[in-house]
Structure formats: structure tokens, C-alpha cells
């Protein structure tokens, strides 16, 4: 939400930007105007990066839960140990 609002705000400032140059605004006003534009663009970029990080984090948490529910469960480990012991047991060579 914040990323979309900051992106919309910077887009509005970019669209209105040529008007500031056409009307010959004083230099301090131009610096403030384009500084706000730059801050809004950086805020949108930061929001996008944080969103990407959050999505990756949720994916990893999901992978961990799936692992713990299947391969990481104690029942599965017991079954693997039983199979290993069965395979390692001495075979009758008659």
C-alpha cells in the first residue's frame, strides 16, 4: 500500500515536473520539489524490496513446514532406521 502511494505520488510529481521548469521556479523550490520526487521514488523502491524479502521469507517458512511434516517427522525417521537395520542385518548364506 505504501509503495503504491509513494509510486503514485512520484508519478504525479513527474507529470507535473515540466511545469516547474516552464514557470522558472527559483532554485531552492526546484531542489525541494525534485528532492521530494526522489524520496518518493526511493520509498517505492524500498517497499518493493521489502515485499520481495517478505515473499521469500514466507516461501522458506512454507518449505520448512513441509519438510518437518514429511521428511523431518519422527515417524519417518523411525521407519528409515528400521529399514536400515533390516538391510544391515546379517543375511543367511545357506
PDB file of N, CA and C in Angstrom:
ATOM      1  N   UNK A   1       0.833  -1.189   0.000  1.00  0.00           N
ATOM      2  CA  UNK A   1       0.000   0.000   0.000  1.00  0.00           C
ATOM      3  C   UNK A   1       0.877   1.251   0.000  1.00  0.00           C
ATOM      4  N   UNK A   2       1.854   1.274   0.898  1.00  0.00           N
ATOM      5  CA  UNK A   2       2.728   2.444   0.979  1.00  0.00           C
ATOM      6  C   UNK A   2       3.545   2.601  -0.300  1.00  0.00           C
ATOM      7  N   UNK A   3       3.980   1.464  -0.863  1.00  0.00           N
ATOM      8  CA  UNK A   3       4.749   1.526  -2.104  1.00  0.00           C
ATOM      9  C   UNK A   3       3.927   2.075  -3.251  1.00  0.00           C
ATOM     10  N   UNK A   4       2.664   1.655  -3.323  1.00  0.00           N
ATOM     11  CA  UNK A   4       1.785   2.155  -4.379  1.00  0.00           C
ATOM     12  C   UNK A   4       1.503   3.640  -4.242  1.00  0.00           C
ATOM     13  N   UNK A   5       1.306   4.075  -3.001  1.00  0.00           N
ATOM     14  CA  UNK A   5       1.051   5.507  -2.785  1.00  0.00           C
ATOM     15  C   UNK A   5       2.280   6.350  -3.102  1.00  0.00           C
ATOM     16  N   UNK A   6       3.453   5.884  -2.691  1.00  0.00           N
ATOM     17  CA  UNK A   6       4.654   6.666  -2.988  1.00  0.00           C
ATOM     18  C   UNK A   6       4.966   6.648  -4.482  1.00  0.00           C
ATOM     19  N   UNK A   7       4.663   5.537  -5.145  1.00  0.00           N
ATOM     20  CA  UNK A   7       4.860   5.483  -6.586  1.00  0.00           C
ATOM     21  C   UNK A   7       3.875   6.409  -7.307  1.00  0.00           C
ATOM     22  N   UNK A   8       2.632   6.429  -6.850  1.00  0.00           N
ATOM     23  CA  UNK A   8       1.639   7.330  -7.447  1.00  0.00           C
ATOM     24  C   UNK A   8       2.019   8.788  -7.210  1.00  0.00           C
ATOM     25  N   UNK A   9       2.504   9.092  -6.010  1.00  0.00           N
ATOM     26  CA  UNK A   9       2.926  10.465  -5.716  1.00  0.00           C
ATOM     27  C   UNK A   9       4.096  10.897  -6.570  1.00  0.00           C
ATOM     28  N   UNK A  10       5.072  10.003  -6.739  1.00  0.00           N
ATOM     29  CA  UNK A  10       6.217  10.365  -7.577  1.00  0.00           C
ATOM     30  C   UNK A  10       5.816  10.478  -9.047  1.00  0.00           C
ATOM     31  N   UNK A  11       4.858   9.659  -9.486  1.00  0.00           N
ATOM     32  CA  UNK A  11       4.379   9.770 -10.865  1.00  0.00           C
ATOM     33  C   UNK A  11       3.679  11.110 -11.071  1.00  0.00           C
ATOM     34  N   UNK A  12       2.896  11.518 -10.095  1.00  0.00           N
ATOM     35  CA  UNK A  12       2.222  12.827 -10.189  1.00  0.00           C
ATOM     36  C   UNK A  12       3.244  13.955 -10.250  1.00  0.00           C
ATOM     37  N   UNK A  13       4.271  13.860  -9.418  1.00  0.00           N
ATOM     38  CA  UNK A  13       5.313  14.886  -9.451  1.00  0.00           C
ATOM     39  C   UNK A  13       6.078  14.863 -10.776  1.00  0.00           C
ATOM     40  N   UNK A  14       6.290  13.682 -11.339  1.00  0.00           N
ATOM     41  CA  UNK A  14       6.997  13.594 -12.615  1.00  0.00           C
ATOM     42  C   UNK A  14       6.160  14.187 -13.747  1.00  0.00           C
ATOM     43  N   UNK A  15       4.842  13.961 -13.701  1.00  0.00           N
ATOM     44  CA  UNK A  15       3.976  14.512 -14.744  1.00  0.00           C
ATOM     45  C   UNK A  15       3.919  16.036 -14.650  1.00  0.00           C
ATOM     46  N   UNK A  16       3.894  16.538 -13.431  1.00  0.00           N
ATOM     47  CA  UNK A  16       3.835  17.993 -13.237  1.00  0.00           C
ATOM     48  C   UNK A  16       5.209  18.641 -13.292  1.00  0.00           C
ATOM     49  N   UNK A  17       6.266  17.856 -13.393  1.00  0.00           N
ATOM     50  CA  UNK A  17       7.625  18.378 -13.383  1.00  0.00           C
ATOM     51  C   UNK A  17       7.946  19.373 -14.484  1.00  0.00           C
ATOM     52  N   UNK A  18       7.551  19.131 -15.739  1.00  0.00           N
ATOM     53  CA  UNK A  18       7.880  20.103 -16.787  1.00  0.00           C
ATOM     54  C   UNK A  18       7.264  21.491 -16.532  1.00  0.00           C
ATOM     55  N   UNK A  19       6.167  21.496 -15.807  1.00  0.00           N
ATOM     56  CA  UNK A  19       5.540  22.794 -15.479  1.00  0.00           C
ATOM     57  C   UNK A  19       6.458  23.613 -14.570  1.00  0.00           C
ATOM     58  N   UNK A  20       7.193  22.941 -13.692  1.00  0.00           N
ATOM     59  CA  UNK A  20       8.101  23.673 -12.800  1.00  0.00           C
ATOM     60  C   UNK A  20       9.235  24.308 -13.596  1.00  0.00           C
ATOM     61  N   UNK A  21       9.668  23.636 -14.635  1.00  0.00           N
ATOM     62  CA  UNK A  21      10.749  24.189 -15.442  1.00  0.00           C
ATOM     63  C   UNK A  21      10.246  25.296 -16.364  1.00  0.00           C
ATOM     64  N   UNK A  22       9.016  25.154 -16.832  1.00  0.00           N
ATOM     65  CA  UNK A  22       8.437  26.145 -17.726  1.00  0.00           C
ATOM     66  C   UNK A  22       8.181  27.474 -17.007  1.00  0.00           C
ATOM     67  N   UNK A  23       7.806  27.402 -15.739  1.00  0.00           N
ATOM     68  CA  UNK A  23       7.470  28.611 -14.978  1.00  0.00           C
ATOM     69  C   UNK A  23       8.674  29.238 -14.291  1.00  0.00           C
ATOM     70  N   UNK A  24       9.840  28.688 -14.512  1.00  0.00           N
ATOM     71  CA  UNK A  24      11.080  29.235 -13.951  1.00  0.00           C
ATOM     72  C   UNK A  24      11.002  29.399 -12.426  1.00  0.00           C
ATOM     73  N   UNK A  25      10.776  28.308 -11.749  1.00  0.00           N
ATOM     74  CA  UNK A  25      10.757  28.332 -10.287  1.00  0.00           C
ATOM     75  C   UNK A  25      12.154  28.686  -9.775  1.00  0.00           C
ATOM     76  N   UNK A  26      12.220  29.275  -8.598  1.00  0.00           N
ATOM     77  CA  UNK A  26      13.558  29.542  -8.029  1.00  0.00           C
ATOM     78  C   UNK A  26      14.277  28.225  -7.716  1.00  0.00           C
ATOM     79  N   UNK A  27      15.582  28.284  -7.683  1.00  0.00           N
ATOM     80  CA  UNK A  27      16.390  27.085  -7.494  1.00  0.00           C
ATOM     81  C   UNK A  27      16.063  26.330  -6.201  1.00  0.00           C
ATOM     82  N   UNK A  28      15.912  26.992  -5.056  1.00  0.00           N
ATOM     83  CA  UNK A  28      15.584  26.228  -3.844  1.00  0.00           C
ATOM     84  C   UNK A  28      14.243  25.476  -3.962  1.00  0.00           C
ATOM     85  N   UNK A  29      13.271  26.093  -4.610  1.00  0.00           N
ATOM     86  CA  UNK A  29      11.973  25.429  -4.779  1.00  0.00           C
ATOM     87  C   UNK A  29      12.107  24.217  -5.696  1.00  0.00           C
ATOM     88  N   UNK A  30      12.911  24.338  -6.755  1.00  0.00           N
ATOM     89  CA  UNK A  30      13.145  23.201  -7.649  1.00  0.00           C
ATOM     90  C   UNK A  30      13.843  22.058  -6.915  1.00  0.00           C
ATOM     91  N   UNK A  31      14.824  22.396  -6.096  1.00  0.00           N
ATOM     92  CA  UNK A  31      15.542  21.369  -5.353  1.00  0.00           C
ATOM     93  C   UNK A  31      14.615  20.651  -4.367  1.00  0.00           C
ATOM     94  N   UNK A  32      13.735  21.383  -3.717  1.00  0.00           N
ATOM     95  CA  UNK A  32      12.786  20.764  -2.796  1.00  0.00           C
ATOM     96  C   UNK A  32      11.810  19.881  -3.570  1.00  0.00           C
ATOM     97  N   UNK A  33      11.297  20.378  -4.687  1.00  0.00           N
ATOM     98  CA  UNK A  33      10.330  19.631  -5.494  1.00  0.00           C
ATOM     99  C   UNK A  33      10.913  18.308  -5.967  1.00  0.00           C
ATOM    100  N   UNK A  34      12.094  18.364  -6.593  1.00  0.00           N
ATOM    101  CA  UNK A  34      12.698  17.153  -7.118  1.00  0.00           C
ATOM    102  C   UNK A  34      13.288  16.282  -6.006  1.00  0.00           C
ATOM    103  N   UNK A  35      13.624  16.876  -4.872  1.00  0.00           N
ATOM    104  CA  UNK A  35      14.042  16.094  -3.715  1.00  0.00           C
ATOM    105  C   UNK A  35      12.895  15.247  -3.184  1.00  0.00           C
ATOM    106  N   UNK A  36      11.709  15.838  -3.125  1.00  0.00           N
ATOM    107  CA  UNK A  36      10.523  15.080  -2.708  1.00  0.00           C
ATOM    108  C   UNK A  36      10.238  13.963  -3.702  1.00  0.00           C
ATOM    109  N   UNK A  37      10.374  14.266  -4.993  1.00  0.00           N
ATOM    110  CA  UNK A  37      10.197  13.245  -6.022  1.00  0.00           C
ATOM    111  C   UNK A  37      11.160  12.085  -5.799  1.00  0.00           C
ATOM    112  N   UNK A  38      12.421  12.402  -5.568  1.00  0.00           N
ATOM    113  CA  UNK A  38      13.433  11.374  -5.365  1.00  0.00           C
ATOM    114  C   UNK A  38      13.137  10.549  -4.103  1.00  0.00           C
ATOM    115  N   UNK A  39      12.738  11.197  -3.024  1.00  0.00           N
ATOM    116  CA  UNK A  39      12.409  10.474  -1.796  1.00  0.00           C
ATOM    117  C   UNK A  39      11.222   9.530  -2.006  1.00  0.00           C
ATOM    118  N   UNK A  40      10.226   9.982  -2.739  1.00  0.00           N
ATOM    119  CA  UNK A  40       9.077   9.119  -3.005  1.00  0.00           C
ATOM    120  C   UNK A  40       9.471   7.929  -3.876  1.00  0.00           C
ATOM    121  N   UNK A  41      10.336   8.143  -4.843  1.00  0.00           N
ATOM    122  CA  UNK A  41      10.799   7.027  -5.678  1.00  0.00           C
ATOM    123  C   UNK A  41      11.604   6.024  -4.856  1.00  0.00           C
ATOM    124  N   UNK A  42      12.460   6.525  -3.968  1.00  0.00           N
ATOM    125  CA  UNK A  42      13.241   5.631  -3.120  1.00  0.00           C
ATOM    126  C   UNK A  42      12.343   4.867  -2.146  1.00  0.00           C
ATOM    127  N   UNK A  43      11.306   5.521  -1.654  1.00  0.00           N
ATOM    128  CA  UNK A  43      10.360   4.847  -0.763  1.00  0.00           C
ATOM    129  C   UNK A  43       9.626   3.732  -1.509  1.00  0.00           C
ATOM    130  N   UNK A  44       9.255   3.967  -2.757  1.00  0.00           N
ATOM    131  CA  UNK A  44       8.599   2.929  -3.561  1.00  0.00           C
ATOM    132  C   UNK A  44       9.546   1.763  -3.814  1.00  0.00           C
ATOM    133  N   UNK A  45      10.802   2.053  -4.089  1.00  0.00           N
ATOM    134  CA  UNK A  45      11.792   1.004  -4.306  1.00  0.00           C
ATOM    135  C   UNK A  45      12.015   0.201  -3.032  1.00  0.00           C
ATOM    136  N   UNK A  46      12.111   0.870  -1.906  1.00  0.00           N
ATOM    137  CA  UNK A  46      12.293   0.190  -0.633  1.00  0.00           C
ATOM    138  C   UNK A  46      11.087  -0.702  -0.316  1.00  0.00           C
ATOM    139  N   UNK A  47       9.893  -0.197  -0.569  1.00  0.00           N
ATOM    140  CA  UNK A  47       8.692  -1.005  -0.335  1.00  0.00           C
ATOM    141  C   UNK A  47       8.685  -2.248  -1.217  1.00  0.00           C
ATOM    142  N   UNK A  48       9.121  -2.116  -2.462  1.00  0.00           N
ATOM    143  CA  UNK A  48       9.179  -3.276  -3.359  1.00  0.00           C
ATOM    144  C   UNK A  48      10.205  -4.293  -2.875  1.00  0.00           C
ATOM    145  N   UNK A  49      11.359  -3.823  -2.417  1.00  0.00           N
ATOM    146  CA  UNK A  49      12.388  -4.735  -1.917  1.00  0.00           C
ATOM    147  C   UNK A  49      11.935  -5.435  -0.641  1.00  0.00           C
ATOM    148  N   UNK A  50      11.273  -4.713   0.245  1.00  0.00           N
ATOM    149  CA  UNK A  50      10.755  -5.329   1.466  1.00  0.00           C
ATOM    150  C   UNK A  50       9.674  -6.363   1.147  1.00  0.00           C
ATOM    151  N   UNK A  51       8.853  -6.071   0.161  1.00  0.00           N
ATOM    152  CA  UNK A  51       7.822  -7.013  -0.252  1.00  0.00           C
ATOM    153  C   UNK A  51       8.454  -8.286  -0.816  1.00  0.00           C
ATOM    154  N   UNK A  52       9.486  -8.128  -1.620  1.00  0.00           N
ATOM    155  CA  UNK A  52      10.198  -9.277  -2.165  1.00  0.00           C
ATOM    156  C   UNK A  52      10.822 -10.107  -1.050  1.00  0.00           C
ATOM    157  N   UNK A  53      11.434  -9.448  -0.071  1.00  0.00           N
ATOM    158  CA  UNK A  53      12.020 -10.148   1.061  1.00  0.00           C
ATOM    159  C   UNK A  53      10.955 -10.904   1.843  1.00  0.00           C
ATOM    160  N   UNK A  54       9.801 -10.305   2.050  1.00  0.00           N
ATOM    161  CA  UNK A  54       8.711 -10.941   2.791  1.00  0.00           C
ATOM    162  C   UNK A  54       8.196 -12.178   2.045  1.00  0.00           C
ATOM    163  N   UNK A  55       8.072 -12.076   0.732  1.00  0.00           N
ATOM    164  CA  UNK A  55       7.602 -13.216  -0.061  1.00  0.00           C
ATOM    165  C   UNK A  55       8.604 -14.363   0.029  1.00  0.00           C
ATOM    166  N   UNK A  56       9.894 -14.063  -0.070  1.00  0.00           N
ATOM    167  CA  UNK A  56      10.912 -15.104   0.056  1.00  0.00           C
ATOM    168  C   UNK A  56      10.885 -15.742   1.435  1.00  0.00           C
ATOM    169  N   UNK A  57      10.692 -14.931   2.466  1.00  0.00           N
ATOM    170  CA  UNK A  57      10.628 -15.446   3.822  1.00  0.00           C
ATOM    171  C   UNK A  57       9.438 -16.384   4.002  1.00  0.00           C
ATOM    172  N   UNK A  58       8.284 -16.006   3.481  1.00  0.00           N
ATOM    173  CA  UNK A  58       7.105 -16.862   3.572  1.00  0.00           C
ATOM    174  C   UNK A  58       7.317 -18.172   2.817  1.00  0.00           C
ATOM    175  N   UNK A  59       7.997 -18.126   1.695  1.00  0.00           N
ATOM    176  CA  UNK A  59       8.286 -19.332   0.919  1.00  0.00           C
ATOM    177  C   UNK A  59       9.178 -20.271   1.716  1.00  0.00           C
ATOM    178  N   UNK A  60      10.223 -19.722   2.344  1.00  0.00           N
ATOM    179  CA  UNK A  60      11.126 -20.552   3.142  1.00  0.00           C
ATOM    180  C   UNK A  60      10.414 -21.157   4.345  1.00  0.00           C
ATOM    181  N   UNK A  61       9.549 -20.403   4.982  1.00  0.00           N
ATOM    182  CA  UNK A  61       8.790 -20.925   6.115  1.00  0.00           C
ATOM    183  C   UNK A  61       7.892 -22.067   5.651  1.00  0.00           C
ATOM    184  N   UNK A  62       7.272 -21.919   4.503  1.00  0.00           N
ATOM    185  CA  UNK A  62       6.441 -22.988   3.949  1.00  0.00           C
ATOM    186  C   UNK A  62       7.244 -24.230   3.642  1.00  0.00           C
ATOM    187  N   UNK A  63       8.436 -24.055   3.074  1.00  0.00           N
ATOM    188  CA  UNK A  63       9.298 -25.200   2.782  1.00  0.00           C
ATOM    189  C   UNK A  63       9.686 -25.923   4.067  1.00  0.00           C
ATOM    190  N   UNK A  64      10.022 -25.163   5.110  1.00  0.00           N
ATOM    191  CA  UNK A  64      10.410 -25.765   6.376  1.00  0.00           C
ATOM    192  C   UNK A  64       9.250 -26.545   6.984  1.00  0.00           C
ATOM    193  N   UNK A  65       8.046 -25.998   6.908  1.00  0.00           N
ATOM    194  CA  UNK A  65       6.884 -26.699   7.454  1.00  0.00           C
ATOM    195  C   UNK A  65       6.610 -28.000   6.701  1.00  0.00           C
ATOM    196  N   UNK A  66       6.756 -27.969   5.372  1.00  0.00           N
ATOM    197  CA  UNK A  66       6.553 -29.182   4.579  1.00  0.00           C
ATOM    198  C   UNK A  66       7.617 -30.224   4.932  1.00  0.00           C
ATOM    199  N   UNK A  67       8.857 -29.787   5.087  1.00  0.00           N
ATOM    200  CA  UNK A  67       9.928 -30.714   5.447  1.00  0.00           C
ATOM    201  C   UNK A  67       9.659 -31.360   6.803  1.00  0.00           C
ATOM    202  N   UNK A  68       9.280 -30.544   7.765  1.00  0.00           N
ATOM    203  CA  UNK A  68       9.025 -31.076   9.102  1.00  0.00           C
ATOM    204  C   UNK A  68       7.815 -32.005   9.124  1.00  0.00           C
ATOM    205  N   UNK A  69       6.850 -31.747   8.263  1.00  0.00           N
ATOM    206  CA  UNK A  69       5.657 -32.596   8.232  1.00  0.00           C
ATOM    207  C   UNK A  69       5.918 -33.924   7.530  1.00  0.00           C
ATOM    208  N   UNK A  70       6.925 -33.977   6.672  1.00  0.00           N
ATOM    209  CA  UNK A  70       7.180 -35.215   5.921  1.00  0.00           C
ATOM    210  C   UNK A  70       8.512 -35.817   6.342  1.00  0.00           C
ATOM    211  N   UNK A  71       9.590 -35.383   5.752  1.00  0.00           N
ATOM    212  CA  UNK A  71      10.907 -35.970   5.997  1.00  0.00           C
ATOM    213  C   UNK A  71      11.422 -35.703   7.404  1.00  0.00           C
ATOM    214  N   UNK A  72      11.008 -34.641   8.001  1.00  0.00           N
ATOM    215  CA  UNK A  72      11.509 -34.280   9.318  1.00  0.00           C
ATOM    216  C   UNK A  72      10.725 -34.884  10.463  1.00  0.00           C
ATOM    217  N   UNK A  73       9.681 -35.632  10.174  1.00  0.00           N
ATOM    218  CA  UNK A  73       8.865 -36.186  11.259  1.00  0.00           C
ATOM    219  C   UNK A  73       9.567 -37.369  11.917  1.00  0.00           C
ATOM    220  N   UNK A  74       9.293 -37.552  13.194  1.00  0.00           N
ATOM    221  CA  UNK A  74       9.908 -38.649  13.945  1.00  0.00           C
ATOM    222  C   UNK A  74       9.445 -40.009  13.419  1.00  0.00           C
ATOM    223  N   UNK A  75       8.211 -40.091  12.987  1.00  0.00           N
ATOM    224  CA  UNK A  75       7.684 -41.348  12.436  1.00  0.00           C
ATOM    225  C   UNK A  75       8.475 -41.776  11.201  1.00  0.00           C
ATOM    226  N   UNK A  76       8.766 -40.824  10.351  1.00  0.00           N
ATOM    227  CA  UNK A  76       9.535 -41.120   9.140  1.00  0.00           C
ATOM    228  C   UNK A  76      10.952 -41.564   9.497  1.00  0.00           C
ATOM    229  N   UNK A  77      11.561 -40.902  10.486  1.00  0.00           N
ATOM    230  CA  UNK A  77      12.911 -41.272  10.907  1.00  0.00           C
ATOM    231  C   UNK A  77      12.937 -42.694  11.472  1.00  0.00           C
ATOM    232  N   UNK A  78      11.915 -43.042  12.263  1.00  0.00           N
ATOM    233  CA  UNK A  78      11.846 -44.394  12.806  1.00  0.00           C
ATOM    234  C   UNK A  78      11.739 -45.430  11.682  1.00  0.00           C
ATOM    235  N   UNK A  79      10.938 -45.130  10.681  1.00  0.00           N
ATOM    236  CA  UNK A  79      10.783 -46.057   9.559  1.00  0.00           C
ATOM    237  C   UNK A  79      12.107 -46.210   8.806  1.00  0.00           C
ATOM    238  N   UNK A  80      12.846 -45.119   8.631  1.00  0.00           N
ATOM    239  CA  UNK A  80      14.151 -45.204   7.963  1.00  0.00           C
ATOM    240  C   UNK A  80      15.134 -46.032   8.770  1.00  0.00           C
ATOM    241  N   UNK A  81      15.151 -45.816  10.104  1.00  0.00           N
ATOM    242  CA  UNK A  81      16.047 -46.601  10.957  1.00  0.00           C
ATOM    243  C   UNK A  81      15.707 -48.090  10.887  1.00  0.00           C
ATOM    244  N   UNK A  82      14.427 -48.406  10.894  1.00  0.00           N
ATOM    245  CA  UNK A  82      14.012 -49.809  10.824  1.00  0.00           C
ATOM    246  C   UNK A  82      14.448 -50.431   9.507  1.00  0.00           C
ATOM    247  N   UNK A  83      14.313 -49.712   8.410  1.00  0.00           N
ATOM    248  CA  UNK A  83      14.747 -50.235   7.108  1.00  0.00           C
ATOM    249  C   UNK A  83      16.255 -50.410   7.065  1.00  0.00           C
ATOM    250  N   UNK A  84      16.987 -49.466   7.643  1.00  0.00           N
ATOM    251  CA  UNK A  84      18.443 -49.566   7.645  1.00  0.00           C
ATOM    252  C   UNK A  84      18.887 -50.773   8.470  1.00  0.00           C
ATOM    253  N   UNK A  85      18.258 -50.969   9.619  1.00  0.00           N
ATOM    254  CA  UNK A  85      18.609 -52.123  10.451  1.00  0.00           C
ATOM    255  C   UNK A  85      18.267 -53.425   9.741  1.00  0.00           C
ATOM    256  N   UNK A  86      17.171 -53.419   9.030  1.00  0.00           N
ATOM    257  CA  UNK A  86      16.767 -54.624   8.292  1.00  0.00           C
ATOM    258  C   UNK A  86      17.776 -54.930   7.182  1.00  0.00           C
ATOM    259  N   UNK A  87      18.260 -53.881   6.500  1.00  0.00           N
ATOM    260  CA  UNK A  87      19.241 -54.091   5.431  1.00  0.00           C
ATOM    261  C   UNK A  87      20.610 -54.468   5.986  1.00  0.00           C
ATOM    262  N   UNK A  88      20.964 -53.944   7.168  1.00  0.00           N
ATOM    263  CA  UNK A  88      22.274 -54.218   7.759  1.00  0.00           C
ATOM    264  C   UNK A  88      22.317 -55.545   8.508  1.00  0.00           C
ATOM    265  N   UNK A  89      21.182 -56.153   8.719  1.00  0.00           N
ATOM    266  CA  UNK A  89      21.137 -57.423   9.448  1.00  0.00           C
ATOM    267  C   UNK A  89      21.857 -58.493   8.653  1.00  0.00           C
ATOM    268  N   UNK A  90      22.590 -59.398   9.346  1.00  0.00           N
ATOM    269  CA  UNK A  90      23.302 -60.450   8.625  1.00  0.00           C
ATOM    270  C   UNK A  90      22.316 -61.344   7.850  1.00  0.00           C
ATOM    271  N   UNK A  91      22.684 -61.669   6.673  1.00  0.00           N
ATOM    272  CA  UNK A  91      21.832 -62.490   5.815  1.00  0.00           C
ATOM    273  C   UNK A  91      22.240 -63.957   5.982  1.00  0.00           C
ATOM    274  N   UNK A  92      21.280 -64.789   5.896  1.00  0.00           N
ATOM    275  CA  UNK A  92      21.526 -66.236   5.983  1.00  0.00           C
ATOM    276  C   UNK A  92      22.144 -66.699   4.668  1.00  0.00           C
ATOM    277  N   UNK A  93      23.331 -67.295   4.716  1.00  0.00           N
ATOM    278  CA  UNK A  93      24.002 -67.715   3.495  1.00  0.00           C
ATOM    279  C   UNK A  93      23.879 -69.232   3.299  1.00  0.00           C
ATOM    280  N   UNK A  94      22.730 -69.755   3.318  1.00  0.00           N
ATOM    281  CA  UNK A  94      22.574 -71.191   3.129  1.00  0.00           C
ATOM    282  C   UNK A  94      22.232 -71.555   1.728  1.00  0.00           C
TER     283      UNK A  94
END
